[in-house]
C-alpha atoms as a PDB file:
ATOM      1  CA  MET A   1     136.893   6.265 -12.381  1.00  0.00           C
ATOM      2  CA  ARG A   2     138.225   6.043  -9.174  1.00  0.00           C
ATOM      3  CA  THR A   3     138.977   2.204  -8.048  1.00  0.00           C
ATOM      4  CA  LEU A   4     138.852   1.250  -4.614  1.00  0.00           C
ATOM      5  CA  ARG A   5     141.589   1.548  -2.267  1.00  0.00           C
ATOM      6  CA  ARG A   6     141.275  -1.169   1.056  1.00  0.00           C
ATOM      7  CA  LEU A   7     142.791   0.119   4.026  1.00  0.00           C
ATOM      8  CA  THR A   8     144.402  -3.315   4.588  1.00  0.00           C
ATOM      9  CA  LYS A   9     146.041  -6.040   1.910  1.00  0.00           C
ATOM     10  CA  GLN A  10     145.398  -5.761  -1.827  1.00  0.00           C
ATOM     11  CA  ARG A  11     145.352  -9.025  -3.496  1.00  0.00           C
ATOM     12  CA  ARG A  12     148.699  -8.194  -5.275  1.00  0.00           C
ATOM     13  CA  GLU A  13     149.744  -8.361  -2.007  1.00  0.00           C
ATOM     14  CA  TRP A  14     147.975 -11.725  -1.324  1.00  0.00           C
ATOM     15  CA  TRP A  15     150.013 -13.009  -4.489  1.00  0.00           C
ATOM     16  CA  ALA A  16     152.839 -11.849  -2.698  1.00  0.00           C
ATOM     17  CA  VAL A  17     152.011 -13.272   0.159  1.00  0.00           C
ATOM     18  CA  ALA A  18     151.234 -16.796  -1.173  1.00  0.00           C
ATOM     19  CA  LEU A  19     154.447 -16.748  -3.661  1.00  0.00           C
ATOM     20  CA  ALA A  20     156.585 -16.212  -0.672  1.00  0.00           C
ATOM     21  CA  ALA A  21     155.049 -18.819   1.013  1.00  0.00           C
ATOM     22  CA  VAL A  22     156.063 -21.429  -1.605  1.00  0.00           C
ATOM     23  CA  LEU A  23     159.124 -20.092  -2.242  1.00  0.00           C
ATOM     24  CA  LEU A  24     160.111 -19.984   1.786  1.00  0.00           C
ATOM     25  CA  ILE A  25     158.770 -23.703   1.533  1.00  0.00           C
ATOM     26  CA  GLY A  26     160.413 -24.989  -1.615  1.00  0.00           C
ATOM     27  CA  THR A  27     163.677 -23.219   0.129  1.00  0.00           C
ATOM     28  CA  THR A  28     163.187 -25.144   3.568  1.00  0.00           C
ATOM     29  CA  LEU A  29     162.597 -28.664   1.604  1.00  0.00           C
ATOM     30  CA  SER A  30     165.870 -28.822  -0.022  1.00  0.00           C
ATOM     31  CA  LEU A  31     167.783 -27.580   2.383  1.00  0.00           C
ATOM     32  CA  LEU A  32     166.605 -30.103   4.663  1.00  0.00           C
ATOM     33  CA  LEU A  33     166.934 -32.931   1.758  1.00  0.00           C
ATOM     34  CA  TRP A  34     170.243 -31.354   1.421  1.00  0.00           C
ATOM     35  CA  ILE A  35     171.206 -31.391   5.038  1.00  0.00           C
ATOM     36  CA  TRP A  36     169.726 -34.745   6.039  1.00  0.00           C
ATOM     37  CA  PRO A  37     169.166 -36.562   2.682  1.00  0.00           C
ATOM     38  CA  GLU A  38     167.850 -39.756   4.249  1.00  0.00           C
ATOM     39  CA  ALA A  39     163.873 -37.010   5.257  1.00  0.00           C
ATOM     40  CA  VAL A  40     161.493 -38.330   4.246  1.00  0.00           C
ATOM     41  CA  ASP A  41     157.651 -37.508   4.903  1.00  0.00           C
ATOM     42  CA  PRO A  42     155.988 -40.368   5.972  1.00  0.00           C
ATOM     43  CA  THR A  43     152.617 -38.904   5.036  1.00  0.00           C
ATOM     44  CA  TRP A  44     153.246 -38.756   2.117  1.00  0.00           C
ATOM     45  CA  GLU A  45     155.232 -41.851   0.823  1.00  0.00           C
ATOM     46  CA  ARG A  46     152.065 -43.257   2.441  1.00  0.00           C
ATOM     47  CA  ILE A  47     149.489 -41.056   0.204  1.00  0.00           C
ATOM     48  CA  LEU A  48     151.694 -41.838  -2.989  1.00  0.00           C
ATOM     49  CA  LYS A  49     151.419 -45.634  -1.750  1.00  0.00           C
ATOM     50  CA  THR A  50     148.231 -46.263  -1.185  1.00  0.00           C
ATOM     51  CA  GLY A  51     146.463 -43.231  -3.701  1.00  0.00           C
ATOM     52  CA  THR A  52     144.407 -41.829  -0.081  1.00  0.00           C
ATOM     53  CA  LEU A  53     144.854 -38.403   0.763  1.00  0.00           C
ATOM     54  CA  ARG A  54     142.761 -38.811   3.804  1.00  0.00           C
ATOM     55  CA  VAL A  55     140.615 -35.603   5.351  1.00  0.00           C
ATOM     56  CA  CYS A  56     138.777 -34.374   8.630  1.00  0.00           C
ATOM     57  CA  THR A  57     136.111 -32.128   7.756  1.00  0.00           C
ATOM     58  CA  ASP A  58     133.211 -31.687  10.391  1.00  0.00           C
ATOM     59  CA  PRO A  59     129.833 -32.051   7.907  1.00  0.00           C
ATOM     60  CA  SER A  60     127.641 -29.304   9.828  1.00  0.00           C
ATOM     61  CA  TRP A  61     128.343 -25.549   7.891  1.00  0.00           C
ATOM     62  CA  PRO A  62     126.810 -25.300   4.313  1.00  0.00           C
ATOM     63  CA  PRO A  63     127.743 -25.064   1.792  1.00  0.00           C
ATOM     64  CA  PHE A  64     131.361 -26.044   2.338  1.00  0.00           C
ATOM     65  CA  GLU A  65     130.522 -29.184   3.630  1.00  0.00           C
ATOM     66  CA  SER A  66     127.216 -30.671   4.668  1.00  0.00           C
ATOM     67  CA  VAL A  67     125.613 -34.943   3.965  1.00  0.00           C
ATOM     68  CA  ASN A  68     123.645 -35.179   1.677  1.00  0.00           C
ATOM     69  CA  GLU A  69     120.476 -36.825   3.182  1.00  0.00           C
ATOM     70  CA  GLY A  70     119.673 -38.457  -0.668  1.00  0.00           C
ATOM     71  CA  THR A  71     123.751 -40.190  -1.012  1.00  0.00           C
ATOM     72  CA  SER A  72     124.602 -39.869   2.973  1.00  0.00           C
ATOM     73  CA  GLN A  73     128.043 -38.592   0.904  1.00  0.00           C
ATOM     74  CA  ILE A  74     129.979 -35.431   1.742  1.00  0.00           C
ATOM     75  CA  VAL A  75     129.445 -32.368  -0.925  1.00  0.00           C
ATOM     76  CA  GLY A  76     130.473 -28.448  -1.020  1.00  0.00           C
ATOM     77  CA  PHE A  77     132.344 -26.335  -1.572  1.00  0.00           C
ATOM     78  CA  ASP A  78     135.436 -27.872   0.704  1.00  0.00           C
ATOM     79  CA  ALA A  79     134.540 -31.725  -0.977  1.00  0.00           C
ATOM     80  CA  ASP A  80     134.806 -30.855  -4.355  1.00  0.00           C
ATOM     81  CA  LEU A  81     137.477 -29.106  -3.692  1.00  0.00           C
ATOM     82  CA  ALA A  82     139.905 -32.122  -1.602  1.00  0.00           C
ATOM     83  CA  ASP A  83     138.644 -33.809  -4.425  1.00  0.00           C
ATOM     84  CA  ARG A  84     140.341 -31.112  -7.656  1.00  0.00           C
ATOM     85  CA  LEU A  85     142.716 -31.299  -5.108  1.00  0.00           C
ATOM     86  CA  ALA A  86     143.778 -34.692  -4.445  1.00  0.00           C
ATOM     87  CA  GLU A  87     143.771 -35.911  -7.936  1.00  0.00           C
ATOM     88  CA  ARG A  88     146.103 -33.620  -8.852  1.00  0.00           C
ATOM     89  CA  LEU A  89     148.597 -33.734  -5.659  1.00  0.00           C
ATOM     90  CA  ALA A  90     150.594 -36.863  -7.275  1.00  0.00           C
ATOM     91  CA  SER A  91     150.068 -36.311 -11.062  1.00  0.00           C
ATOM     92  CA  GLU A  92     153.201 -35.531 -11.605  1.00  0.00           C
ATOM     93  CA  VAL A  93     154.945 -38.864 -10.017  1.00  0.00           C
ATOM     94  CA  ARG A  94     152.198 -41.859  -9.523  1.00  0.00           C
ATOM     95  CA  ALA A  95     150.319 -43.407 -12.598  1.00  0.00           C
ATOM     96  CA  GLU A  96     147.312 -43.899 -12.188  1.00  0.00           C
ATOM     97  CA  PRO A  97     145.046 -44.509 -10.061  1.00  0.00           C
ATOM     98  CA  ALA A  98     144.936 -40.763  -8.688  1.00  0.00           C
ATOM     99  CA  VAL A  99     145.013 -41.023  -5.571  1.00  0.00           C
ATOM    100  CA  ARG A 100     141.480 -39.919  -3.785  1.00  0.00           C
ATOM    101  CA  ALA A 101     140.265 -37.978  -1.252  1.00  0.00           C
ATOM    102  CA  GLN A 102     138.327 -39.669   1.716  1.00  0.00           C
ATOM    103  CA  PHE A 103     137.006 -37.515   4.246  1.00  0.00           C
ATOM    104  CA  VAL A 104     136.756 -38.421   7.708  1.00  0.00           C
ATOM    105  CA  ALA A 105     134.033 -36.624  10.188  1.00  0.00           C
ATOM    106  CA  VAL A 106     134.543 -34.863  13.064  1.00  0.00           C
ATOM    107  CA  GLY A 107     133.247 -32.225  15.125  1.00  0.00           C
ATOM    108  CA  PHE A 108     134.309 -28.996  14.731  1.00  0.00           C
ATOM    109  CA  ASP A 109     135.917 -28.665  17.787  1.00  0.00           C
ATOM    110  CA  SER A 110     138.069 -32.156  17.671  1.00  0.00           C
ATOM    111  CA  LEU A 111     139.613 -31.147  14.205  1.00  0.00           C
ATOM    112  CA  TYR A 112     142.913 -30.516  14.765  1.00  0.00           C
ATOM    113  CA  ASP A 113     142.854 -32.871  17.387  1.00  0.00           C
ATOM    114  CA  ALA A 114     142.086 -36.008  15.003  1.00  0.00           C
ATOM    115  CA  LEU A 115     144.218 -34.161  13.062  1.00  0.00           C
ATOM    116  CA  LEU A 116     147.867 -34.969  15.245  1.00  0.00           C
ATOM    117  CA  VAL A 117     146.524 -38.196  16.660  1.00  0.00           C
ATOM    118  CA  GLY A 118     146.382 -39.364  12.529  1.00  0.00           C
ATOM    119  CA  ARG A 119     143.055 -39.883  11.736  1.00  0.00           C
ATOM    120  CA  CYS A 120     143.664 -38.089   8.525  1.00  0.00           C
ATOM    121  CA  ASP A 121     146.448 -36.078   6.303  1.00  0.00           C
ATOM    122  CA  VAL A 122     144.838 -32.826   6.299  1.00  0.00           C
ATOM    123  CA  ILE A 123     142.176 -30.495   7.431  1.00  0.00           C
ATOM    124  CA  LEU A 124     139.467 -28.754   4.377  1.00  0.00           C
ATOM    125  CA  SER A 125     136.604 -27.570   6.977  1.00  0.00           C
ATOM    126  CA  ALA A 126     136.310 -23.311   6.451  1.00  0.00           C
ATOM    127  CA  LEU A 127     138.912 -23.225   9.025  1.00  0.00           C
ATOM    128  CA  PRO A 128     140.320 -19.714   8.901  1.00  0.00           C
ATOM    129  CA  TYR A 129     144.391 -19.271   9.721  1.00  0.00           C
ATOM    130  CA  GLU A 130     144.796 -19.309  13.119  1.00  0.00           C
ATOM    131  CA  GLN A 131     148.580 -17.863  14.640  1.00  0.00           C
ATOM    132  CA  ALA A 132     148.209 -19.850  17.910  1.00  0.00           C
ATOM    133  CA  ARG A 133     147.725 -23.139  16.262  1.00  0.00           C
ATOM    134  CA  THR A 134     151.416 -22.824  14.534  1.00  0.00           C
ATOM    135  CA  ARG A 135     152.617 -24.191  17.276  1.00  0.00           C
ATOM    136  CA  ASP A 136     151.375 -27.396  16.719  1.00  0.00           C
ATOM    137  CA  VAL A 137     150.318 -27.478  12.549  1.00  0.00           C
ATOM    138  CA  VAL A 138     151.769 -25.607   9.682  1.00  0.00           C
ATOM    139  CA  TYR A 139     149.220 -23.862   6.911  1.00  0.00           C
ATOM    140  CA  SER A 140     148.407 -23.720   3.037  1.00  0.00           C
ATOM    141  CA  VAL A 141     148.196 -20.764   1.204  1.00  0.00           C
ATOM    142  CA  ALA A 142     144.556 -19.487   1.528  1.00  0.00           C
ATOM    143  CA  TYR A 143     141.852 -20.553  -0.782  1.00  0.00           C
ATOM    144  CA  PHE A 144     138.407 -18.339   0.082  1.00  0.00           C
ATOM    145  CA  ASN A 145     139.035 -15.438   1.509  1.00  0.00           C
ATOM    146  CA  ALA A 146     135.673 -14.718   3.935  1.00  0.00           C
ATOM    147  CA  GLY A 147     136.649 -11.063   4.747  1.00  0.00           C
ATOM    148  CA  LEU A 148     134.581  -8.914   5.636  1.00  0.00           C
ATOM    149  CA  VAL A 149     132.768  -6.678   2.477  1.00  0.00           C
ATOM    150  CA  LEU A 150     130.848  -4.474   1.308  1.00  0.00           C
ATOM    151  CA  LEU A 151     127.791  -3.487   0.186  1.00  0.00           C
ATOM    152  CA  THR A 152     125.546  -1.051  -1.940  1.00  0.00           C
ATOM    153  CA  GLN A 153     122.557  -1.221  -3.930  1.00  0.00           C
ATOM    154  CA  GLN A 154     123.218  -1.957  -7.709  1.00  0.00           C
ATOM    155  CA  GLY A 155     123.823   0.570  -9.909  1.00  0.00           C
ATOM    156  CA  SER A 156     125.114   3.556  -6.982  1.00  0.00           C
ATOM    157  CA  SER A 157     127.478   5.487  -7.613  1.00  0.00           C
ATOM    158  CA  THR A 158     128.363   7.566  -4.630  1.00  0.00           C
ATOM    159  CA  ILE A 159     130.005   5.087  -2.989  1.00  0.00           C
ATOM    160  CA  GLU A 160     132.803   3.993  -4.481  1.00  0.00           C
ATOM    161  CA  ILE A 161     135.564   3.866  -2.452  1.00  0.00           C
ATOM    162  CA  LEU A 162     135.658   2.644   1.787  1.00  0.00           C
ATOM    163  CA  GLU A 163     136.014   6.679   2.299  1.00  0.00           C
ATOM    164  CA  ASP A 164     132.828   7.307   0.677  1.00  0.00           C
ATOM    165  CA  LEU A 165     130.793   5.983   4.345  1.00  0.00           C
ATOM    166  CA  GLU A 166     131.904   8.735   5.679  1.00  0.00           C
ATOM    167  CA  GLY A 167     127.861  10.468   6.508  1.00  0.00           C
ATOM    168  CA  ARG A 168     126.549   7.349   5.206  1.00  0.00           C
ATOM    169  CA  THR A 169     123.722   4.961   7.203  1.00  0.00           C
ATOM    170  CA  VAL A 170     125.374   1.351   6.849  1.00  0.00           C
ATOM    171  CA  GLY A 171     124.312  -2.121   7.975  1.00  0.00           C
ATOM    172  CA  VAL A 172     125.751  -4.205  10.152  1.00  0.00           C
ATOM    173  CA  GLU A 173     124.887  -7.014  12.598  1.00  0.00           C
ATOM    174  CA  TRP A 174     124.953  -7.120  15.805  1.00  0.00           C
ATOM    175  CA  GLY A 175     128.526  -8.522  17.030  1.00  0.00           C
ATOM    176  CA  PHE A 176     129.998  -6.862  14.867  1.00  0.00           C
ATOM    177  CA  VAL A 177     133.784  -5.417  15.194  1.00  0.00           C
ATOM    178  CA  PRO A 178     135.976  -2.540  13.375  1.00  0.00           C
ATOM    179  CA  GLU A 179     138.966  -4.914  11.899  1.00  0.00           C
ATOM    180  CA  GLY A 180     142.023  -3.943  10.636  1.00  0.00           C
ATOM    181  CA  ASP A 181     145.167  -1.332  11.244  1.00  0.00           C
ATOM    182  CA  THR A 182     144.672   1.344  12.799  1.00  0.00           C
ATOM    183  CA  ARG A 183     143.213   3.541  10.688  1.00  0.00           C
ATOM    184  CA  GLN A 184     140.768   1.442   9.655  1.00  0.00           C
ATOM    185  CA  LYS A 185     139.491   0.606  12.781  1.00  0.00           C
ATOM    186  CA  GLU A 186     138.863   4.756  13.354  1.00  0.00           C
ATOM    187  CA  PHE A 187     137.339   5.164   9.402  1.00  0.00           C
ATOM    188  CA  LEU A 188     134.417   2.654  11.223  1.00  0.00           C
ATOM    189  CA  ARG A 189     133.799   2.866  15.015  1.00  0.00           C
ATOM    190  CA  ARG A 190     133.036   6.878  13.173  1.00  0.00           C
ATOM    191  CA  LEU A 191     130.681   4.819  10.903  1.00  0.00           C
ATOM    192  CA  ALA A 192     126.468   5.929  11.573  1.00  0.00           C
ATOM    193  CA  ALA A 193     126.202   1.969  11.851  1.00  0.00           C
ATOM    194  CA  ARG A 194     121.925   0.618  12.003  1.00  0.00           C
ATOM    195  CA  ARG A 195     122.670  -2.809  13.905  1.00  0.00           C
ATOM    196  CA  TYR A 196     120.502  -5.889  12.515  1.00  0.00           C
ATOM    197  CA  ASP A 197     120.259  -8.870  14.423  1.00  0.00           C
ATOM    198  CA  THR A 198     122.181 -11.173  11.287  1.00  0.00           C
ATOM    199  CA  ALA A 199     123.850 -10.521   8.267  1.00  0.00           C
ATOM    200  CA  ASP A 200     121.137 -11.358   5.785  1.00  0.00           C
ATOM    201  CA  ASP A 201     118.607  -8.544   7.873  1.00  0.00           C
ATOM    202  CA  ALA A 202     121.846  -6.304   7.508  1.00  0.00           C
ATOM    203  CA  LEU A 203     121.807  -7.042   3.801  1.00  0.00           C
ATOM    204  CA  ARG A 204     117.525  -6.549   3.935  1.00  0.00           C
ATOM    205  CA  ALA A 205     117.795  -3.520   5.040  1.00  0.00           C
ATOM    206  CA  LEU A 206     119.973  -2.304   2.626  1.00  0.00           C
ATOM    207  CA  GLN A 207     117.677  -4.020  -0.261  1.00  0.00           C
ATOM    208  CA  ALA A 208     114.667  -2.029   0.879  1.00  0.00           C
ATOM    209  CA  GLY A 209     116.067   0.911   0.931  1.00  0.00           C
ATOM    210  CA  GLU A 210     116.989   1.748   4.656  1.00  0.00           C
ATOM    211  CA  VAL A 211     120.559   2.467   4.778  1.00  0.00           C
ATOM    212  CA  ASP A 212     123.216   3.492   2.344  1.00  0.00           C
ATOM    213  CA  ALA A 213     125.383   0.723   2.698  1.00  0.00           C
ATOM    214  CA  ALA A 214     126.111  -3.594   4.081  1.00  0.00           C
ATOM    215  CA  ILE A 215     129.300  -4.453   6.378  1.00  0.00           C
ATOM    216  CA  VAL A 216     128.856  -8.468   6.250  1.00  0.00           C
ATOM    217  CA  ASP A 217     130.872 -11.251   6.289  1.00  0.00           C
ATOM    218  CA  ARG A 218     132.020 -12.586   2.179  1.00  0.00           C
ATOM    219  CA  ILE A 219     130.119 -16.063   2.286  1.00  0.00           C
ATOM    220  CA  THR A 220     126.770 -14.337   3.571  1.00  0.00           C
ATOM    221  CA  ALA A 221     127.257 -11.878   0.593  1.00  0.00           C
ATOM    222  CA  LEU A 222     127.695 -14.548  -2.558  1.00  0.00           C
ATOM    223  CA  ALA A 223     125.327 -16.447  -0.466  1.00  0.00           C
ATOM    224  CA  TYR A 224     122.484 -13.957  -0.411  1.00  0.00           C
ATOM    225  CA  LEU A 225     124.163 -11.853  -4.034  1.00  0.00           C
ATOM    226  CA  ARG A 226     122.872 -15.420  -5.730  1.00  0.00           C
ATOM    227  CA  GLU A 227     119.496 -15.071  -4.254  1.00  0.00           C
ATOM    228  CA  CYS A 228     119.585 -11.385  -4.878  1.00  0.00           C
ATOM    229  CA  GLY A 229     120.522  -9.666  -7.455  1.00  0.00           C
ATOM    230  CA  ASP A 230     119.772  -5.705  -7.019  1.00  0.00           C
ATOM    231  CA  LEU A 231     123.084  -5.479  -4.906  1.00  0.00           C
ATOM    232  CA  THR A 232     126.257  -5.404  -5.506  1.00  0.00           C
ATOM    233  CA  LEU A 233     129.517  -5.795  -3.576  1.00  0.00           C
ATOM    234  CA  VAL A 234     132.109  -2.634  -3.706  1.00  0.00           C
ATOM    235  CA  GLY A 235     135.861  -3.957  -4.368  1.00  0.00           C
ATOM    236  CA  GLU A 236     137.715  -6.309  -2.190  1.00  0.00           C
ATOM    237  CA  PRO A 237     137.242  -7.423   1.704  1.00  0.00           C
ATOM    238  CA  ILE A 238     138.111  -4.886   3.471  1.00  0.00           C
ATOM    239  CA  TYR A 239     139.653  -7.343   5.689  1.00  0.00           C
ATOM    240  CA  ASP A 240     140.841 -10.588   4.858  1.00  0.00           C
ATOM    241  CA  VAL A 241     139.869 -13.932   6.463  1.00  0.00           C
ATOM    242  CA  ASN A 242     141.929 -16.386   5.047  1.00  0.00           C
ATOM    243  CA  TYR A 243     140.926 -20.491   4.805  1.00  0.00           C
ATOM    244  CA  VAL A 244     143.525 -22.327   4.724  1.00  0.00           C
ATOM    245  CA  ILE A 245     144.371 -26.479   5.180  1.00  0.00           C
ATOM    246  CA  PRO A 246     146.258 -27.382   8.028  1.00  0.00           C
ATOM    247  CA  VAL A 247     148.821 -30.457   8.406  1.00  0.00           C
ATOM    248  CA  ARG A 248     151.265 -32.076  11.105  1.00  0.00           C
ATOM    249  CA  PRO A 249     154.431 -30.595  10.761  1.00  0.00           C
ATOM    250  CA  ASP A 250     156.395 -33.332   9.154  1.00  0.00           C
ATOM    251  CA  SER A 251     154.218 -33.331   5.989  1.00  0.00           C
ATOM    252  CA  PHE A 252     156.707 -30.916   4.987  1.00  0.00           C
ATOM    253  CA  ARG A 253     156.618 -32.409   1.082  1.00  0.00           C
ATOM    254  CA  LEU A 254     152.757 -32.980   1.006  1.00  0.00           C
ATOM    255  CA  LEU A 255     151.993 -28.976   2.227  1.00  0.00           C
ATOM    256  CA  ALA A 256     154.415 -27.988  -0.406  1.00  0.00           C
ATOM    257  CA  GLU A 257     152.292 -30.146  -2.876  1.00  0.00           C
ATOM    258  CA  ILE A 258     149.674 -28.716  -1.279  1.00  0.00           C
ATOM    259  CA  ASN A 259     150.456 -25.089  -1.845  1.00  0.00           C
ATOM    260  CA  ARG A 260     151.411 -25.583  -5.451  1.00  0.00           C
ATOM    261  CA  VAL A 261     147.948 -27.084  -6.898  1.00  0.00           C
ATOM    262  CA  LEU A 262     146.211 -23.951  -4.952  1.00  0.00           C
ATOM    263  CA  LEU A 263     148.726 -21.853  -6.759  1.00  0.00           C
ATOM    264  CA  GLU A 264     147.730 -23.312 -10.188  1.00  0.00           C
ATOM    265  CA  MET A 265     144.121 -23.514  -9.055  1.00  0.00           C
ATOM    266  CA  ARG A 266     143.659 -20.550  -8.715  1.00  0.00           C
ATOM    267  CA  GLU A 267     146.060 -19.251 -11.453  1.00  0.00           C
ATOM    268  CA  ASP A 268     143.535 -21.619 -13.763  1.00  0.00           C
ATOM    269  CA  GLY A 269     139.815 -20.548 -12.801  1.00  0.00           C
ATOM    270  CA  THR A 270     139.794 -23.929 -10.927  1.00  0.00           C
ATOM    271  CA  LEU A 271     138.491 -21.716  -7.528  1.00  0.00           C
ATOM    272  CA  GLN A 272     136.652 -19.463  -8.854  1.00  0.00           C
ATOM    273  CA  ALA A 273     134.546 -22.455 -10.763  1.00  0.00           C
ATOM    274  CA  LEU A 274     134.082 -23.914  -6.842  1.00  0.00           C
ATOM    275  CA  GLN A 275     132.839 -20.209  -5.483  1.00  0.00           C
ATOM    276  CA  GLU A 276     130.229 -20.048  -8.108  1.00  0.00           C
ATOM    277  CA  ARG A 277     128.367 -23.416  -8.157  1.00  0.00           C
ATOM    278  CA  TRP A 278     128.376 -23.401  -4.007  1.00  0.00           C
ATOM    279  CA  PHE A 279     127.730 -19.591  -3.921  1.00  0.00           C
END
């Protein structure tokens, strides 16, 4: 059986980028401490002292973050991730009690401002990597891929790779824009796309047999699959939208620890378990 050949980044490339980022950060930190032995990450020092990781989030985007009406607590994928991240952050250098996450509710448009003025130490709010923001913040490695995915009816054996969509009808949401490299964009433009008001509508059309496949964002796909088991994801995302954790540029030690923990969570299955719980 053929394996899906992604026209964009593959999983092993993600690992290469992630590991390279961690190595780069580790090297930079070592050089910084060698050149400037007195270098101190004030955010990291405060976290160690107080045992609190302050997390800015906009609790209006379930299942990543929302307010539980019964308890008034912030819950969701990102909230659970923040709790587990905080617990592991300083486990090797700090005695009990462990570091705890303290959530700071902030409107989405004000998240970066809140971080930069010091209201919190990190942002965990389903934020994608933004190149333009790297002048003001630094980003962790990715913890969730919300990119475009391909779905078919369960049991379909005629669509196994992206190129199998040639000549097929594909359901997409209005506003769908082909993404990827030049070759991928051109291929997606040529598809016989049938547009629907929402991504959920495109998936319902696939379920009803109106289209041969659907391309939607991975968040919608996972939520839909939880309720309707007769569709299936084909391979890895065909275009990546990586959610990351921004910190201030002077939080170099905090960033290194966050990356270490995220890679541990990816390897030991914690991130997968969180995904299965909330999707």
